[in-house]
């Protein structure tokens, strides 16, 4: 009896249910939702004036940033420091592309940026960079630069929704500078003095010697109406210093001048300096750090990276209260605000 029931059930499965399953499986597939069309990624171009060739070129922004990182920061720096440099350089460039900041009038009017590091930021071609590194390190170093830029592609720094002026320098003197202590004007909330470890930087402490006659000549050119004492070596006084440790103002004879002006006058590495009398008729000037001291210290960034700091942590350390966003998100947010 059990065998009869078993065979009956089997026949029902073969004759009725199996064909139904096969027919159903061969029927038309349910309609599928078409894939969303891919939105092409926006490409940003920047107009660059090359101070060496005296030519203007339109470059892809990301390719331009690779040349900036190669020129501005040693390739043997930690990858996270190179990433921080890439984001800072991209922010600096985008700020000028977008019109948020303007270059000094009369230098390269109508052009976004130039390759003069004293005015904008340094840049070099891949070919020049590889030639400088030599055949043994060219491929490795350029790949590292490309990785730093590619892994931060499109990222910029903003403060309360606005693109920052991402200033940077080689090394500080233990602290960076408040912007208003270097350039006259209002204080900038994200360019504040912060601690920075730069002792390992090349030429961190440097001493130069200048004759009293040479200093007198330079001062007379800058201040033709001022009378200077016969001996300047013993008539120089630092009046006050900045929070970052640089000379804010000093007196040279009867002349009261800014430390940044004295630095520029003598071509010093920084405005963090001390002055002493050397041999007869000589003045010794010892400087600490290199550059204006505002914003991110490049050597300080590398020191933070070596202790495990990520590029975003480095940037948030040197630029107070900022956020890191993509250019596309920033533009979308700005458009919503305008509407």
Protein backbone atom coordinates (compact mmCIF):
# COMPACT_ATOMS: atom_id res chain seq x y z
CA UNK A 1 0.00 0.00 0.00
CA UNK A 2 2.83 2.37 0.89
CA UNK A 3 4.53 1.64 -2.40
CA UNK A 4 1.34 2.49 -4.31
CA UNK A 5 1.04 5.83 -2.50
CA UNK A 6 4.73 6.58 -3.16
CA UNK A 7 4.42 5.87 -6.88
CA UNK A 8 1.19 7.90 -7.10
CA UNK A 9 2.88 10.95 -5.51
CA UNK A 10 5.86 10.56 -7.80
CA UNK A 11 3.65 10.44 -10.89
CA UNK A 12 1.78 13.58 -9.78
CA UNK A 13 5.14 15.35 -9.37
CA UNK A 14 6.35 14.25 -12.82
CA UNK A 15 3.11 14.76 -14.75
CA UNK A 16 1.73 17.93 -13.15
CA UNK A 17 4.16 19.89 -10.96
CA UNK A 18 7.41 19.47 -12.92
CA UNK A 19 5.99 20.81 -16.23
CA UNK A 20 4.45 23.73 -14.35
CA UNK A 21 7.82 24.62 -12.85
CA UNK A 22 9.57 24.33 -16.21
CA UNK A 23 6.97 26.49 -17.97
CA UNK A 24 7.12 29.09 -15.25
CA UNK A 25 10.92 29.19 -15.42
CA UNK A 26 10.86 29.75 -19.14
CA UNK A 27 8.45 32.66 -18.92
CA UNK A 28 9.45 36.30 -19.40
CA UNK A 29 11.71 37.73 -16.72
CA UNK A 30 10.28 40.50 -14.56
CA UNK A 31 11.19 43.96 -15.83
CA UNK A 32 14.39 45.33 -14.29
CA UNK A 33 14.94 48.94 -13.30
CA UNK A 34 17.38 50.51 -15.78
CA UNK A 35 20.72 51.54 -14.21
CA UNK A 36 21.08 55.20 -13.35
CA UNK A 37 23.07 57.03 -15.99
CA UNK A 38 26.65 57.78 -14.96
CA UNK A 39 27.31 61.45 -14.35
CA UNK A 40 30.69 62.37 -15.84
CA UNK A 41 33.17 63.63 -13.28
CA UNK A 42 33.80 67.34 -13.58
CA UNK A 43 37.27 68.26 -14.76
CA UNK A 44 38.81 71.44 -13.36
CA UNK A 45 41.34 73.42 -15.36
CA UNK A 46 43.70 76.07 -14.03
CA UNK A 47 45.57 78.77 -15.92
CA UNK A 48 49.24 78.83 -14.91
CA UNK A 49 51.92 81.39 -15.75
CA UNK A 50 55.34 79.72 -15.87
CA UNK A 51 57.93 82.23 -14.67
CA UNK A 52 60.77 80.27 -16.30
CA UNK A 53 59.32 79.93 -19.81
CA UNK A 54 57.31 83.18 -19.61
CA UNK A 55 54.39 81.22 -21.07
CA UNK A 56 50.83 80.66 -19.88
CA UNK A 57 49.38 77.17 -19.93
CA UNK A 58 46.00 75.65 -19.12
CA UNK A 59 46.47 72.53 -16.98
CA UNK A 60 44.25 69.90 -15.43
CA UNK A 61 44.07 70.85 -11.75
CA UNK A 62 45.10 67.44 -10.43
CA UNK A 63 48.07 67.21 -12.77
CA UNK A 64 49.11 70.72 -11.75
CA UNK A 65 48.97 69.73 -8.06
CA UNK A 66 51.38 66.85 -8.71
CA UNK A 67 53.91 69.37 -10.00
CA UNK A 68 53.37 71.59 -6.96
CA UNK A 69 53.89 68.77 -4.46
CA UNK A 70 57.03 67.65 -6.32
CA UNK A 71 58.43 71.18 -6.18
CA UNK A 72 57.29 72.20 -2.71
CA UNK A 73 57.99 69.13 -0.54
CA UNK A 74 60.80 66.53 -0.49
CA UNK A 75 59.58 63.25 -1.99
CA UNK A 76 61.14 61.28 0.85
CA UNK A 77 58.70 62.86 3.31
CA UNK A 78 56.05 60.59 4.82
CA UNK A 79 53.09 59.88 2.53
CA UNK A 80 50.61 61.54 4.90
CA UNK A 81 52.67 64.74 4.87
CA UNK A 82 52.67 64.67 1.06
CA UNK A 83 48.89 64.21 1.13
CA UNK A 84 48.54 67.21 3.46
CA UNK A 85 50.67 69.24 1.05
CA UNK A 86 48.51 68.13 -1.89
CA UNK A 87 45.30 69.26 -0.17
CA UNK A 88 46.83 72.57 0.95
CA UNK A 89 48.19 73.24 -2.56
CA UNK A 90 44.87 72.32 -4.17
CA UNK A 91 43.02 74.62 -1.78
CA UNK A 92 45.43 77.47 -2.48
CA UNK A 93 44.98 76.97 -6.24
CA UNK A 94 41.20 76.52 -6.14
CA UNK A 95 40.85 79.66 -4.03
CA UNK A 96 42.42 81.62 -6.88
CA UNK A 97 40.60 79.74 -9.65
CA UNK A 98 37.25 80.44 -8.01
CA UNK A 99 38.01 84.10 -7.32
CA UNK A 100 37.88 83.68 -3.54
CA UNK A 101 41.39 85.17 -3.41
CA UNK A 102 43.24 87.40 -5.82
CA UNK A 103 46.90 87.50 -6.68
CA UNK A 104 48.76 90.77 -6.26
CA UNK A 105 47.57 93.20 -8.90
CA UNK A 106 49.92 93.70 -11.80
CA UNK A 107 51.86 90.45 -11.34
CA UNK A 108 49.84 88.11 -13.57
CA UNK A 109 46.46 89.77 -14.07
CA UNK A 110 43.82 87.52 -15.63
CA UNK A 111 45.83 84.36 -14.87
CA UNK A 112 44.89 82.12 -11.95
CA UNK A 113 48.33 81.35 -10.57
CA UNK A 114 52.07 81.40 -11.27
CA UNK A 115 55.02 79.11 -10.56
CA UNK A 116 56.95 81.66 -8.47
CA UNK A 117 57.03 80.34 -4.89
CA UNK A 118 57.60 83.84 -3.50
CA UNK A 119 54.29 84.93 -5.02
CA UNK A 120 52.10 81.85 -5.43
CA UNK A 121 53.45 78.31 -5.13
CA UNK A 122 56.32 76.44 -6.74
CA UNK A 123 55.70 73.99 -9.60
CA UNK A 124 57.79 71.75 -11.83
CA UNK A 125 57.00 69.37 -14.65
CA UNK A 126 57.23 65.60 -14.19
CA UNK A 127 60.23 65.57 -16.51
CA UNK A 128 62.07 68.21 -14.48
CA UNK A 129 61.26 66.48 -11.21
CA UNK A 130 62.51 63.10 -12.45
CA UNK A 131 65.69 64.68 -13.78
CA UNK A 132 66.33 66.29 -10.41
CA UNK A 133 65.78 63.00 -8.55
CA UNK A 134 67.99 61.00 -10.89
CA UNK A 135 67.45 57.67 -12.58
CA UNK A 136 67.56 55.65 -9.34
CA UNK A 137 64.72 57.48 -7.61
CA UNK A 138 62.72 59.12 -10.41
CA UNK A 139 60.10 56.41 -10.89
CA UNK A 140 59.66 55.68 -7.18
CA UNK A 141 59.37 59.32 -6.17
CA UNK A 142 56.94 60.30 -8.92
CA UNK A 143 54.73 57.30 -8.10
CA UNK A 144 54.67 58.45 -4.48
CA UNK A 145 53.72 61.98 -5.51
CA UNK A 146 50.96 60.64 -7.77
CA UNK A 147 49.63 58.49 -4.97
CA UNK A 148 49.49 61.43 -2.56
CA UNK A 149 47.52 63.50 -5.08
CA UNK A 150 45.26 60.69 -6.29
CA UNK A 151 44.32 59.57 -2.77
CA UNK A 152 43.22 63.12 -1.92
CA UNK A 153 41.69 63.90 -5.31
CA UNK A 154 39.35 66.89 -5.27
CA UNK A 155 39.70 67.58 -1.53
CA UNK A 156 40.02 71.15 -0.28
CA UNK A 157 39.95 72.92 3.08
CA UNK A 158 37.07 75.16 4.15
CA UNK A 159 36.28 77.27 7.20
CA UNK A 160 32.59 77.70 7.95
CA UNK A 161 31.82 76.81 4.35
CA UNK A 162 34.33 79.18 2.74
CA UNK A 163 37.55 78.15 0.99
CA UNK A 164 40.54 79.05 3.13
CA UNK A 165 43.71 80.80 2.04
CA UNK A 166 45.89 77.72 2.63
CA UNK A 167 49.25 79.33 3.32
CA UNK A 168 52.25 77.16 4.16
CA UNK A 169 55.98 77.52 4.78
CA UNK A 170 59.09 75.37 5.18
CA UNK A 171 59.62 75.41 8.94
CA UNK A 172 58.62 77.43 11.97
CA UNK A 173 60.59 78.22 15.10
CA UNK A 174 58.63 75.95 17.42
CA UNK A 175 55.32 77.71 16.78
CA UNK A 176 53.62 79.01 13.68
CA UNK A 177 52.52 82.63 13.38
CA UNK A 178 49.23 84.48 13.67
CA UNK A 179 48.56 85.92 10.23
CA UNK A 180 48.16 89.48 11.49
CA UNK A 181 51.63 89.40 13.06
CA UNK A 182 53.18 88.89 9.63
CA UNK A 183 50.87 90.89 7.38
CA UNK A 184 48.93 93.93 8.49
CA UNK A 185 45.17 93.51 8.53
CA UNK A 186 42.47 91.60 10.37
CA UNK A 187 43.25 88.38 12.18
CA UNK A 188 42.29 85.21 10.30
CA UNK A 189 40.47 82.67 12.53
CA UNK A 190 42.05 79.60 10.94
CA UNK A 191 45.60 81.03 10.66
CA UNK A 192 46.49 80.99 14.34
CA UNK A 193 49.75 80.29 16.12
CA UNK A 194 50.10 76.58 17.00
CA UNK A 195 52.95 74.40 18.24
CA UNK A 196 55.15 72.85 15.58
CA UNK A 197 58.09 70.45 15.75
CA UNK A 198 60.58 71.56 13.10
CA UNK A 199 63.98 70.91 14.68
CA UNK A 200 64.90 68.27 12.11
CA UNK A 201 64.55 70.67 9.17
CA UNK A 202 67.59 71.50 7.08
CA UNK A 203 69.19 74.79 8.09
CA UNK A 204 66.88 75.07 11.11
CA UNK A 205 69.39 77.36 12.82
CA UNK A 206 71.61 79.41 10.50
CA UNK A 207 74.04 82.24 11.18
CA UNK A 208 75.04 84.84 8.61
CA UNK A 209 77.51 87.68 8.96
CA UNK A 210 77.10 91.14 7.48
CA UNK A 211 79.35 94.16 7.75
CA UNK A 212 78.13 97.34 9.41
CA UNK A 213 78.87 99.21 6.19
CA UNK A 214 76.64 96.87 4.18
CA UNK A 215 73.80 97.15 6.70
CA UNK A 216 74.16 100.94 6.74
CA UNK A 217 74.00 101.05 2.96
CA UNK A 218 70.83 98.95 2.81
CA UNK A 219 69.15 101.01 5.52
CA UNK A 220 70.04 104.28 3.80
CA UNK A 221 68.47 102.99 0.58
CA UNK A 222 65.27 102.07 2.43
CA UNK A 223 65.23 105.14 4.71
CA UNK A 224 67.09 107.92 2.88
CA UNK A 225 65.84 110.63 5.25
CA UNK A 226 67.03 108.93 8.45
CA UNK A 227 70.38 109.61 10.08
CA UNK A 228 72.22 106.50 11.19
CA UNK A 229 74.86 106.22 13.93
CA UNK A 230 78.46 105.56 12.97
CA UNK A 231 78.37 102.16 14.65
CA UNK A 232 75.20 100.07 14.23
CA UNK A 233 76.40 96.90 15.92
CA UNK A 234 75.62 98.19 19.41
CA UNK A 235 72.58 100.22 18.45
CA UNK A 236 70.12 97.48 17.45
CA UNK A 237 67.34 96.51 19.86
CA UNK A 238 64.50 94.01 19.54
CA UNK A 239 61.41 95.74 20.90
CA UNK A 240 58.88 92.89 20.92
CA UNK A 241 58.30 89.43 19.50
CA UNK A 242 55.26 87.63 18.12
CA UNK A 243 53.44 84.69 19.66
CA UNK A 244 55.29 82.50 17.17
CA UNK A 245 58.67 83.71 18.47
CA UNK A 246 59.63 85.95 15.57
CA UNK A 247 60.76 89.56 15.85
CA UNK A 248 57.70 91.77 15.59
CA UNK A 249 59.42 95.17 15.76
CA UNK A 250 62.97 96.32 16.33
CA UNK A 251 64.95 99.53 16.51
CA UNK A 252 68.02 100.08 14.35
CA UNK A 253 69.52 103.41 15.32
CA UNK A 254 66.60 105.83 15.08
CA UNK A 255 64.60 103.57 12.79
CA UNK A 256 61.69 101.53 14.13
CA UNK A 257 60.86 98.74 11.71
CA UNK A 258 58.99 95.45 11.49
CA UNK A 259 60.92 92.23 11.84
CA UNK A 260 59.50 91.05 8.51
CA UNK A 261 60.88 94.20 6.87
CA UNK A 262 64.33 93.62 8.35
CA UNK A 263 64.18 90.03 7.13
CA UNK A 264 63.29 91.16 3.61
CA UNK A 265 65.95 93.87 3.62
CA UNK A 266 68.73 91.37 4.37
CA UNK A 267 67.24 88.28 2.70
CA UNK A 268 67.10 86.32 5.96
CA UNK A 269 65.57 82.84 6.14
CA UNK A 270 62.99 83.95 8.71
CA UNK A 271 62.02 86.80 11.00
CA UNK A 272 62.97 84.72 14.02
CA UNK A 273 66.45 86.10 14.53
CA UNK A 274 68.93 87.34 17.09
CA UNK A 275 71.70 89.88 16.47
CA UNK A 276 75.13 90.12 18.02
CA UNK A 277 78.43 91.90 17.37
CA UNK A 278 80.99 89.79 15.59
CA UNK A 279 84.54 90.73 14.73
CA UNK A 280 85.29 94.41 14.35
CA UNK A 281 82.83 95.98 11.96
CA UNK A 282 80.79 92.76 11.61
CA UNK A 283 77.28 91.84 12.75
CA UNK A 284 76.17 88.22 13.24
CA UNK A 285 72.51 87.34 12.66
CA UNK A 286 71.22 83.92 13.70
CA UNK A 287 67.87 82.79 12.30
CA UNK A 288 65.61 79.90 13.30
CA UNK A 289 63.17 78.28 10.88
CA UNK A 290 62.53 79.14 7.26
CA UNK A 291 59.69 81.12 5.72
CA UNK A 292 56.94 83.47 6.86
CA UNK A 293 55.69 81.03 9.50
CA UNK A 294 51.96 81.26 8.73
CA UNK A 295 49.77 78.19 8.19
CA UNK A 296 51.17 74.71 7.71
CA UNK A 297 54.82 74.03 8.42
CA UNK A 298 56.02 71.46 5.88
CA UNK A 299 58.71 70.01 8.15
CA UNK A 300 56.27 70.09 11.05
CA UNK A 301 53.75 68.21 8.93
CA UNK A 302 56.34 65.51 8.29
CA UNK A 303 57.11 65.29 12.01
CA UNK A 304 53.40 64.77 12.77
CA UNK A 305 53.14 62.14 10.02
CA UNK A 306 56.09 60.24 11.44
CA UNK A 307 54.26 59.92 14.76
CA UNK A 308 51.14 58.51 13.07
CA UNK A 309 49.25 61.66 12.14
CA UNK A 310 46.99 61.40 9.09
CA UNK A 311 46.82 64.11 6.45
CA UNK A 312 43.48 65.33 7.80
CA UNK A 313 44.84 65.49 11.36
CA UNK A 314 47.87 67.42 10.12
CA UNK A 315 45.70 69.94 8.28
CA UNK A 316 43.32 70.40 11.21
CA UNK A 317 46.31 71.01 13.47
CA UNK A 318 47.78 73.79 11.36
CA UNK A 319 44.51 75.34 10.16
CA UNK A 320 42.31 75.96 13.19
CA UNK A 321 38.64 74.91 13.08
CA UNK A 322 38.54 73.81 9.44
CA UNK A 323 36.75 71.04 7.53
CA UNK A 324 38.01 69.01 4.58
CA UNK A 325 35.47 68.54 1.78
CA UNK A 326 35.39 67.74 -1.92
CA UNK A 327 35.22 70.57 -4.43
CA UNK A 328 31.97 69.17 -5.81
CA UNK A 329 30.34 69.11 -2.36
CA UNK A 330 31.59 72.62 -1.65
CA UNK A 331 30.15 73.94 -4.92
CA UNK A 332 26.84 72.15 -4.37
CA UNK A 333 26.59 73.63 -0.87
CA UNK A 334 27.45 77.11 -2.15
CA UNK A 335 24.79 76.79 -4.86
CA UNK A 336 22.13 75.79 -2.32
CA UNK A 337 23.10 78.77 -0.17
CA UNK A 338 22.83 81.15 -3.13
CA UNK A 339 19.40 79.81 -4.00
